[in-house]
Amino acid sequence: MTRPVIVHLKDVSRKGIFHEFGVDFEELTDGVGNYTIAIIEWEDGILEGVPVWKVQFVTPTTVEADR
């Protein structure tokens, strides 16, 4: 089930649709660090993985809920 979200980035907040959770990694000096991401579809159709702590789930409007 997809859900509407607001993603809080550095200087802006953007609307999008949450699809599912995933995993990303970052190479560190002493190994690899894994972290959870949310896969978001932006209003222009592009998919992007963003850290979950930047995602806010919002309540869909009645029109969106009827889709």
PDB file of N, CA and C in Angstrom:
ATOM      1  N   MET A   1       0.848  -1.186   0.000  1.00  0.00           N
ATOM      2  CA  MET A   1       0.000   0.000   0.000  1.00  0.00           C
ATOM      3  C   MET A   1       0.890   1.244   0.000  1.00  0.00           C
ATOM      4  N   THR A   2       0.630   2.137  -0.918  1.00  0.00           N
ATOM      5  CA  THR A   2       1.371   3.389  -0.951  1.00  0.00           C
ATOM      6  C   THR A   2       0.701   4.396  -0.023  1.00  0.00           C
ATOM      7  N   ARG A   3       1.527   5.287   0.527  1.00  0.00           N
ATOM      8  CA  ARG A   3       1.004   6.309   1.438  1.00  0.00           C
ATOM      9  C   ARG A   3       1.648   7.645   1.129  1.00  0.00           C
ATOM     10  N   PRO A   4       0.881   8.743   1.243  1.00  0.00           N
ATOM     11  CA  PRO A   4       1.477  10.064   1.038  1.00  0.00           C
ATOM     12  C   PRO A   4       2.409  10.421   2.190  1.00  0.00           C
ATOM     13  N   VAL A   5       3.500  11.106   1.838  1.00  0.00           N
ATOM     14  CA  VAL A   5       4.489  11.501   2.835  1.00  0.00           C
ATOM     15  C   VAL A   5       4.978  12.915   2.537  1.00  0.00           C
ATOM     16  N   ILE A   6       5.608  13.497   3.534  1.00  0.00           N
ATOM     17  CA  ILE A   6       6.383  14.715   3.362  1.00  0.00           C
ATOM     18  C   ILE A   6       7.798  14.356   3.790  1.00  0.00           C
ATOM     19  N   VAL A   7       8.762  14.660   2.927  1.00  0.00           N
ATOM     20  CA  VAL A   7      10.164  14.370   3.228  1.00  0.00           C
ATOM     21  C   VAL A   7      10.847  15.689   3.548  1.00  0.00           C
ATOM     22  N   HIS A   8      11.445  15.755   4.727  1.00  0.00           N
ATOM     23  CA  HIS A   8      12.100  16.975   5.199  1.00  0.00           C
ATOM     24  C   HIS A   8      13.584  16.910   4.844  1.00  0.00           C
ATOM     25  N   LEU A   9      13.962  17.648   3.806  1.00  0.00           N
ATOM     26  CA  LEU A   9      15.341  17.712   3.349  1.00  0.00           C
ATOM     27  C   LEU A   9      16.019  18.916   3.983  1.00  0.00           C
ATOM     28  N   LYS A  10      17.250  19.205   3.609  1.00  0.00           N
ATOM     29  CA  LYS A  10      18.015  20.280   4.247  1.00  0.00           C
ATOM     30  C   LYS A  10      17.273  21.611   4.283  1.00  0.00           C
ATOM     31  N   ASP A  11      16.891  22.131   3.130  1.00  0.00           N
ATOM     32  CA  ASP A  11      16.285  23.462   3.069  1.00  0.00           C
ATOM     33  C   ASP A  11      14.841  23.467   2.603  1.00  0.00           C
ATOM     34  N   VAL A  12      14.268  22.297   2.328  1.00  0.00           N
ATOM     35  CA  VAL A  12      12.936  22.236   1.740  1.00  0.00           C
ATOM     36  C   VAL A  12      12.242  20.951   2.186  1.00  0.00           C
ATOM     37  N   SER A  13      10.925  20.991   2.183  1.00  0.00           N
ATOM     38  CA  SER A  13      10.120  19.785   2.415  1.00  0.00           C
ATOM     39  C   SER A  13       9.388  19.477   1.118  1.00  0.00           C
ATOM     40  N   ARG A  14       9.389  18.194   0.720  1.00  0.00           N
ATOM     41  CA  ARG A  14       8.768  17.794  -0.543  1.00  0.00           C
ATOM     42  C   ARG A  14       7.709  16.740  -0.307  1.00  0.00           C
ATOM     43  N   LYS A  15       6.638  16.798  -1.112  1.00  0.00           N
ATOM     44  CA  LYS A  15       5.596  15.775  -1.077  1.00  0.00           C
ATOM     45  C   LYS A  15       6.022  14.590  -1.925  1.00  0.00           C
ATOM     46  N   GLY A  16       5.597  13.414  -1.504  1.00  0.00           N
ATOM     47  CA  GLY A  16       5.888  12.215  -2.267  1.00  0.00           C
ATOM     48  C   GLY A  16       4.971  11.082  -1.850  1.00  0.00           C
ATOM     49  N   ILE A  17       5.191   9.928  -2.449  1.00  0.00           N
ATOM     50  CA  ILE A  17       4.432   8.723  -2.135  1.00  0.00           C
ATOM     51  C   ILE A  17       5.419   7.662  -1.652  1.00  0.00           C
ATOM     52  N   PHE A  18       5.166   7.112  -0.471  1.00  0.00           N
ATOM     53  CA  PHE A  18       5.984   6.035   0.092  1.00  0.00           C
ATOM     54  C   PHE A  18       5.601   4.723  -0.579  1.00  0.00           C
ATOM     55  N   HIS A  19       6.606   3.929  -0.990  1.00  0.00           N
ATOM     56  CA  HIS A  19       6.347   2.622  -1.587  1.00  0.00           C
ATOM     57  C   HIS A  19       6.717   1.484  -0.638  1.00  0.00           C
ATOM     58  N   GLU A  20       7.931   1.491  -0.111  1.00  0.00           N
ATOM     59  CA  GLU A  20       8.348   0.443   0.827  1.00  0.00           C
ATOM     60  C   GLU A  20       9.672   0.840   1.470  1.00  0.00           C
ATOM     61  N   PHE A  21      10.090   0.026   2.449  1.00  0.00           N
ATOM     62  CA  PHE A  21      11.373   0.236   3.095  1.00  0.00           C
ATOM     63  C   PHE A  21      12.453  -0.545   2.362  1.00  0.00           C
ATOM     64  N   GLY A  22      13.688  -0.089   2.478  1.00  0.00           N
ATOM     65  CA  GLY A  22      14.828  -0.757   1.881  1.00  0.00           C
ATOM     66  C   GLY A  22      16.035  -0.575   2.779  1.00  0.00           C
ATOM     67  N   VAL A  23      17.212  -0.958   2.285  1.00  0.00           N
ATOM     68  CA  VAL A  23      18.455  -0.842   3.047  1.00  0.00           C
ATOM     69  C   VAL A  23      19.505  -0.187   2.163  1.00  0.00           C
ATOM     70  N   ASP A  24      20.273   0.719   2.732  1.00  0.00           N
ATOM     71  CA  ASP A  24      21.400   1.331   2.047  1.00  0.00           C
ATOM     72  C   ASP A  24      22.621   1.182   2.950  1.00  0.00           C
ATOM     73  N   PHE A  25      23.782   1.562   2.451  1.00  0.00           N
ATOM     74  CA  PHE A  25      24.993   1.428   3.257  1.00  0.00           C
ATOM     75  C   PHE A  25      25.896   2.626   3.045  1.00  0.00           C
ATOM     76  N   GLU A  26      26.802   2.795   3.972  1.00  0.00           N
ATOM     77  CA  GLU A  26      27.813   3.840   3.893  1.00  0.00           C
ATOM     78  C   GLU A  26      29.140   3.220   4.298  1.00  0.00           C
ATOM     79  N   GLU A  27      30.150   3.447   3.476  1.00  0.00           N
ATOM     80  CA  GLU A  27      31.472   2.920   3.809  1.00  0.00           C
ATOM     81  C   GLU A  27      32.129   3.833   4.835  1.00  0.00           C
ATOM     82  N   LEU A  28      32.559   3.237   5.939  1.00  0.00           N
ATOM     83  CA  LEU A  28      33.206   3.956   7.024  1.00  0.00           C
ATOM     84  C   LEU A  28      34.672   3.542   7.108  1.00  0.00           C
ATOM     85  N   THR A  29      35.446   4.237   7.893  1.00  0.00           N
ATOM     86  CA  THR A  29      36.870   3.906   8.006  1.00  0.00           C
ATOM     87  C   THR A  29      37.105   2.516   8.589  1.00  0.00           C
ATOM     88  N   ASP A  30      36.186   2.052   9.429  1.00  0.00           N
ATOM     89  CA  ASP A  30      36.367   0.738  10.053  1.00  0.00           C
ATOM     90  C   ASP A  30      35.362  -0.305   9.562  1.00  0.00           C
ATOM     91  N   GLY A  31      34.783  -0.098   8.381  1.00  0.00           N
ATOM     92  CA  GLY A  31      33.844  -1.071   7.834  1.00  0.00           C
ATOM     93  C   GLY A  31      32.679  -0.401   7.138  1.00  0.00           C
ATOM     94  N   VAL A  32      31.597  -1.145   7.057  1.00  0.00           N
ATOM     95  CA  VAL A  32      30.393  -0.674   6.367  1.00  0.00           C
ATOM     96  C   VAL A  32      29.276  -0.502   7.381  1.00  0.00           C
ATOM     97  N   GLY A  33      28.532   0.596   7.258  1.00  0.00           N
ATOM     98  CA  GLY A  33      27.368   0.822   8.116  1.00  0.00           C
ATOM     99  C   GLY A  33      26.087   0.729   7.305  1.00  0.00           C
ATOM    100  N   ASN A  34      25.168  -0.118   7.708  1.00  0.00           N
ATOM    101  CA  ASN A  34      23.869  -0.251   7.037  1.00  0.00           C
ATOM    102  C   ASN A  34      22.826   0.594   7.743  1.00  0.00           C
ATOM    103  N   TYR A  35      21.872   1.134   6.963  1.00  0.00           N
ATOM    104  CA  TYR A  35      20.761   1.870   7.560  1.00  0.00           C
ATOM    105  C   TYR A  35      19.515   1.713   6.701  1.00  0.00           C
ATOM    106  N   THR A  36      18.374   1.878   7.328  1.00  0.00           N
ATOM    107  CA  THR A  36      17.091   1.713   6.659  1.00  0.00           C
ATOM    108  C   THR A  36      16.738   2.972   5.880  1.00  0.00           C
ATOM    109  N   ILE A  37      16.175   2.775   4.674  1.00  0.00           N
ATOM    110  CA  ILE A  37      15.703   3.886   3.858  1.00  0.00           C
ATOM    111  C   ILE A  37      14.232   3.673   3.512  1.00  0.00           C
ATOM    112  N   ALA A  38      13.594   4.744   3.120  1.00  0.00           N
ATOM    113  CA  ALA A  38      12.234   4.677   2.582  1.00  0.00           C
ATOM    114  C   ALA A  38      12.322   4.954   1.095  1.00  0.00           C
ATOM    115  N   ILE A  39      11.671   4.129   0.281  1.00  0.00           N
ATOM    116  CA  ILE A  39      11.657   4.349  -1.158  1.00  0.00           C
ATOM    117  C   ILE A  39      10.467   5.263  -1.464  1.00  0.00           C
ATOM    118  N   ILE A  40      10.791   6.459  -1.978  1.00  0.00           N
ATOM    119  CA  ILE A  40       9.801   7.513  -2.197  1.00  0.00           C
ATOM    120  C   ILE A  40       9.673   7.801  -3.682  1.00  0.00           C
ATOM    121  N   GLU A  41       8.443   7.969  -4.144  1.00  0.00           N
ATOM    122  CA  GLU A  41       8.178   8.438  -5.510  1.00  0.00           C
ATOM    123  C   GLU A  41       7.805   9.911  -5.424  1.00  0.00           C
ATOM    124  N   TRP A  42       8.605  10.766  -6.065  1.00  0.00           N
ATOM    125  CA  TRP A  42       8.324  12.198  -6.063  1.00  0.00           C
ATOM    126  C   TRP A  42       7.194  12.503  -7.036  1.00  0.00           C
ATOM    127  N   GLU A  43       6.671  13.706  -6.966  1.00  0.00           N
ATOM    128  CA  GLU A  43       5.540  14.110  -7.805  1.00  0.00           C
ATOM    129  C   GLU A  43       5.855  14.025  -9.297  1.00  0.00           C
ATOM    130  N   ASP A  44       7.136  14.079  -9.673  1.00  0.00           N
ATOM    131  CA  ASP A  44       7.524  13.980 -11.091  1.00  0.00           C
ATOM    132  C   ASP A  44       7.765  12.537 -11.530  1.00  0.00           C
ATOM    133  N   GLY A  45       7.514  11.562 -10.640  1.00  0.00           N
ATOM    134  CA  GLY A  45       7.624  10.151 -10.985  1.00  0.00           C
ATOM    135  C   GLY A  45       8.973   9.515 -10.699  1.00  0.00           C
ATOM    136  N   ILE A  46       9.951  10.287 -10.269  1.00  0.00           N
ATOM    137  CA  ILE A  46      11.274   9.752  -9.969  1.00  0.00           C
ATOM    138  C   ILE A  46      11.261   9.065  -8.606  1.00  0.00           C
ATOM    139  N   LEU A  47      11.902   7.884  -8.531  1.00  0.00           N
ATOM    140  CA  LEU A  47      12.023   7.150  -7.272  1.00  0.00           C
ATOM    141  C   LEU A  47      13.358   7.478  -6.628  1.00  0.00           C
ATOM    142  N   GLU A  48      13.358   7.569  -5.285  1.00  0.00           N
ATOM    143  CA  GLU A  48      14.590   7.853  -4.561  1.00  0.00           C
ATOM    144  C   GLU A  48      14.522   7.210  -3.185  1.00  0.00           C
ATOM    145  N   GLY A  49      15.657   6.727  -2.711  1.00  0.00           N
ATOM    146  CA  GLY A  49      15.750   6.203  -1.356  1.00  0.00           C
ATOM    147  C   GLY A  49      16.208   7.310  -0.420  1.00  0.00           C
ATOM    148  N   VAL A  50      15.467   7.539   0.654  1.00  0.00           N
ATOM    149  CA  VAL A  50      15.830   8.576   1.626  1.00  0.00           C
ATOM    150  C   VAL A  50      15.862   7.967   3.029  1.00  0.00           C
ATOM    151  N   PRO A  51      16.711   8.486   3.917  1.00  0.00           N
ATOM    152  CA  PRO A  51      16.741   7.971   5.288  1.00  0.00           C
ATOM    153  C   PRO A  51      15.364   8.113   5.961  1.00  0.00           C
ATOM    154  N   VAL A  52      14.985   7.099   6.720  1.00  0.00           N
ATOM    155  CA  VAL A  52      13.636   7.082   7.300  1.00  0.00           C
ATOM    156  C   VAL A  52      13.384   8.227   8.271  1.00  0.00           C
ATOM    157  N   TRP A  53      14.419   8.751   8.920  1.00  0.00           N
ATOM    158  CA  TRP A  53      14.200   9.822   9.897  1.00  0.00           C
ATOM    159  C   TRP A  53      13.838  11.149   9.229  1.00  0.00           C
ATOM    160  N   LYS A  54      13.854  11.207   7.895  1.00  0.00           N
ATOM    161  CA  LYS A  54      13.453  12.425   7.182  1.00  0.00           C
ATOM    162  C   LYS A  54      12.013  12.344   6.662  1.00  0.00           C
ATOM    163  N   VAL A  55      11.333  11.216   6.901  1.00  0.00           N
ATOM    164  CA  VAL A  55      10.012  10.960   6.323  1.00  0.00           C
ATOM    165  C   VAL A  55       8.918  11.162   7.365  1.00  0.00           C
ATOM    166  N   GLN A  56       7.883  11.899   6.964  1.00  0.00           N
ATOM    167  CA  GLN A  56       6.693  12.089   7.806  1.00  0.00           C
ATOM    168  C   GLN A  56       5.487  11.572   7.031  1.00  0.00           C
ATOM    169  N   PHE A  57       4.816  10.566   7.572  1.00  0.00           N
ATOM    170  CA  PHE A  57       3.595  10.063   6.946  1.00  0.00           C
ATOM    171  C   PHE A  57       2.461  11.028   7.234  1.00  0.00           C
ATOM    172  N   VAL A  58       1.628  11.281   6.224  1.00  0.00           N
ATOM    173  CA  VAL A  58       0.495  12.190   6.388  1.00  0.00           C
ATOM    174  C   VAL A  58      -0.796  11.458   6.068  1.00  0.00           C
ATOM    175  N   THR A  59      -1.886  11.945   6.627  1.00  0.00           N
ATOM    176  CA  THR A  59      -3.190  11.338   6.399  1.00  0.00           C
ATOM    177  C   THR A  59      -3.674  11.694   5.004  1.00  0.00           C
ATOM    178  N   PRO A  60      -4.063  10.673   4.202  1.00  0.00           N
ATOM    179  CA  PRO A  60      -4.549  10.976   2.854  1.00  0.00           C
ATOM    180  C   PRO A  60      -5.882  11.709   2.908  1.00  0.00           C
ATOM    181  N   THR A  61      -6.111  12.548   1.910  1.00  0.00           N
ATOM    182  CA  THR A  61      -7.411  13.226   1.818  1.00  0.00           C
ATOM    183  C   THR A  61      -8.449  12.219   1.351  1.00  0.00           C
ATOM    184  N   THR A  62      -9.699  12.575   1.425  1.00  0.00           N
ATOM    185  CA  THR A  62     -10.778  11.668   1.020  1.00  0.00           C
ATOM    186  C   THR A  62     -10.639  11.276  -0.446  1.00  0.00           C
ATOM    187  N   VAL A  63     -10.261  12.205  -1.309  1.00  0.00           N
ATOM    188  CA  VAL A  63     -10.118  11.913  -2.724  1.00  0.00           C
ATOM    189  C   VAL A  63      -8.992  10.903  -2.956  1.00  0.00           C
ATOM    190  N   GLU A  64      -7.854  11.081  -2.289  1.00  0.00           N
ATOM    191  CA  GLU A  64      -6.740  10.150  -2.438  1.00  0.00           C
ATOM    192  C   GLU A  64      -7.108   8.785  -1.878  1.00  0.00           C
ATOM    193  N   ALA A  65      -7.896   8.743  -0.813  1.00  0.00           N
ATOM    194  CA  ALA A  65      -8.263   7.475  -0.188  1.00  0.00           C
ATOM    195  C   ALA A  65      -9.194   6.664  -1.084  1.00  0.00           C
ATOM    196  N   ASP A  66      -9.938   7.326  -1.966  1.00  0.00           N
ATOM    197  CA  ASP A  66     -10.887   6.635  -2.852  1.00  0.00           C
ATOM    198  C   ASP A  66     -10.229   6.006  -4.068  1.00  0.00           C
ATOM    199  N   ARG A  67      -8.949   6.244  -4.280  1.00  0.00           N
ATOM    200  CA  ARG A  67      -8.272   5.679  -5.468  1.00  0.00           C
ATOM    201  C   ARG A  67      -8.125   4.191  -5.365  1.00  0.00           C
TER     202      ARG A  67
END
